[in-house]
Protein backbone atom coordinates (compact mmCIF):
# COMPACT_ATOMS: atom_id res chain seq x y z
CA UNK A 1 4.80 8.00 18.13
CA UNK A 2 3.03 4.98 19.54
CA UNK A 3 1.05 2.58 17.37
CA UNK A 4 -2.14 3.92 18.95
CA UNK A 5 -1.39 7.33 17.41
CA UNK A 6 -0.88 5.95 13.90
CA UNK A 7 -3.70 6.50 11.43
CA UNK A 8 -5.74 3.44 10.39
CA UNK A 9 -8.68 4.65 8.26
CA UNK A 10 -11.84 2.57 8.66
CA UNK A 11 -12.70 2.75 4.93
CA UNK A 12 -9.71 0.59 3.88
CA UNK A 13 -8.69 -3.03 4.09
CA UNK A 14 -5.15 -4.04 5.06
CA UNK A 15 -2.71 -6.81 4.27
CA UNK A 16 -0.56 -8.43 6.94
CA UNK A 17 2.41 -6.95 5.01
CA UNK A 18 1.13 -3.40 5.77
CA UNK A 19 -0.36 -2.44 2.40
CA UNK A 20 -3.78 -0.79 2.33
CA UNK A 21 -6.57 -1.10 -0.24
CA UNK A 22 -9.40 1.34 -0.92
CA UNK A 23 -11.97 0.02 -3.40
CA UNK A 24 -14.37 1.90 -5.67
CA UNK A 25 -16.40 0.27 -8.45
CA UNK A 26 -14.04 -2.64 -9.14
CA UNK A 27 -10.88 -0.58 -8.81
CA UNK A 28 -8.49 -0.73 -5.86
CA UNK A 29 -6.13 2.06 -4.86
CA UNK A 30 -3.09 0.65 -3.05
CA UNK A 31 -0.46 2.15 -0.76
CA UNK A 32 1.43 1.40 2.44
CA UNK A 33 0.07 2.04 5.90
CA UNK A 34 1.03 4.78 8.32
CA UNK A 35 2.64 2.06 10.46
CA UNK A 36 4.79 0.87 7.53
CA UNK A 37 6.02 4.34 6.58
CA UNK A 38 6.74 5.10 10.24
CA UNK A 39 8.80 1.90 10.59
CA UNK A 40 10.70 2.61 7.36
CA UNK A 41 11.65 6.18 8.16
CA UNK A 42 12.31 8.74 5.43
CA UNK A 43 11.41 7.20 2.07
CA UNK A 44 13.95 8.13 -0.63
CA UNK A 45 12.91 5.88 -3.56
CA UNK A 46 9.87 3.91 -4.69
CA UNK A 47 9.99 1.29 -7.47
CA UNK A 48 6.57 0.37 -8.86
CA UNK A 49 5.26 -1.82 -11.69
CA UNK A 50 4.03 -0.43 -15.01
CA UNK A 51 0.46 0.10 -16.16
CA UNK A 52 -0.84 -3.15 -17.61
CA UNK A 53 1.21 -5.37 -15.29
CA UNK A 54 -0.66 -8.19 -13.58
CA UNK A 55 -0.57 -8.44 -9.77
CA UNK A 56 -0.98 -11.68 -7.87
CA UNK A 57 -1.99 -11.42 -4.23
CA UNK A 58 0.91 -11.84 -1.80
CA UNK A 59 3.54 -11.64 -4.56
CA UNK A 60 6.12 -8.86 -4.72
CA UNK A 61 5.22 -5.89 -6.92
CA UNK A 62 7.78 -3.25 -6.01
CA UNK A 63 10.25 -1.82 -3.53
CA UNK A 64 10.33 1.08 -1.07
CA UNK A 65 13.75 2.35 -0.07
CA UNK A 66 14.29 4.53 2.97
CA UNK A 67 17.34 5.89 4.71
CA UNK A 68 17.10 2.88 7.07
CA UNK A 69 16.05 -0.05 4.90
CA UNK A 70 14.86 -1.48 1.60
CA UNK A 71 11.46 -3.15 1.86
CA UNK A 72 9.56 -5.24 -0.69
CA UNK A 73 5.96 -4.38 -1.49
CA UNK A 74 3.45 -7.23 -1.75
CA UNK A 75 0.25 -7.17 -3.77
CA UNK A 76 -2.77 -7.09 -1.46
CA UNK A 77 -5.11 -8.07 -4.33
CA UNK A 78 -5.22 -9.80 -7.72
CA UNK A 79 -5.68 -7.60 -10.78
CA UNK A 80 -4.21 -5.41 -13.50
CA UNK A 81 -2.36 -2.15 -12.78
CA UNK A 82 -4.33 0.69 -14.38
CA UNK A 83 -2.46 3.67 -12.87
CA UNK A 84 0.82 4.36 -11.10
CA UNK A 85 1.43 7.41 -8.92
CA UNK A 86 4.14 9.08 -11.01
CA UNK A 87 4.51 11.84 -8.40
CA UNK A 88 6.43 9.36 -6.23
CA UNK A 89 9.26 9.29 -8.77
CA UNK A 90 10.22 12.88 -7.92
CA UNK A 91 8.62 13.07 -4.46
CA UNK A 92 8.99 9.70 -2.71
CA UNK A 93 8.54 11.53 0.61
CA UNK A 94 4.79 11.72 -0.16
CA UNK A 95 4.67 8.16 1.20
CA UNK A 96 5.74 9.56 4.59
CA UNK A 97 3.81 12.82 4.44
CA UNK A 98 0.44 11.45 3.31
CA UNK A 99 0.42 7.62 3.09
CA UNK A 100 -3.38 7.40 2.67
CA UNK A 101 -3.70 10.35 0.26
CA UNK A 102 -1.05 11.79 -2.06
CA UNK A 103 1.30 8.92 -1.18
CA UNK A 104 -0.85 6.22 -2.86
CA UNK A 105 1.08 3.90 -5.16
CA UNK A 106 -1.14 2.02 -7.62
CA UNK A 107 -4.63 1.66 -8.95
CA UNK A 108 -5.63 -1.87 -9.87
CA UNK A 109 -8.58 -3.22 -11.83
CA UNK A 110 -9.65 -6.07 -9.60
CA UNK A 111 -9.79 -9.62 -10.92
CA UNK A 112 -12.92 -11.69 -10.15
CA UNK A 113 -11.05 -13.51 -7.38
CA UNK A 114 -9.41 -10.31 -6.16
CA UNK A 115 -8.75 -11.67 -2.67
CA UNK A 116 -10.43 -8.79 -0.81
CA UNK A 117 -12.04 -11.26 1.59
CA UNK A 118 -8.60 -12.29 2.84
CA UNK A 119 -7.62 -8.76 3.88
CA UNK A 120 -7.87 -7.36 7.40
CA UNK A 121 -10.42 -4.83 8.58
CA UNK A 122 -9.13 -1.65 10.25
CA UNK A 123 -9.80 -3.19 13.69
CA UNK A 124 -7.99 -6.43 12.80
CA UNK A 125 -5.04 -4.47 11.42
CA UNK A 126 -4.87 -2.29 14.56
CA UNK A 127 -4.67 -5.49 16.65
CA UNK A 128 -1.80 -6.75 14.46
CA UNK A 129 0.33 -3.62 14.87
CA UNK A 130 -0.26 -3.12 18.62
């Protein structure tokens, strides 16, 4: 699969570390991009923070382990974790199968200085991965 065939939804923002953010009413849903899951290969384990944990933009918040590598996850925004996708505990492959849907990782209540302005648009992210 070439990078041109990888999905990059227009309704999200992206970090340079390949996390995506979808915002609704002060809440951000976070996951990893199609490019990231493709590079990792088959995901076998996901370690995520707990509800109530504080995230600081660009700081590590978890780990994704695949058959090829272990990769740190970096917070794309500042805020408080309000939900964790528990399905990933038993089905980490959801990250590969549906990275922008069922494979989401966290929901975060955004802080006032959430850092959304520092994230990449879909077009900017496409340029980065090409």
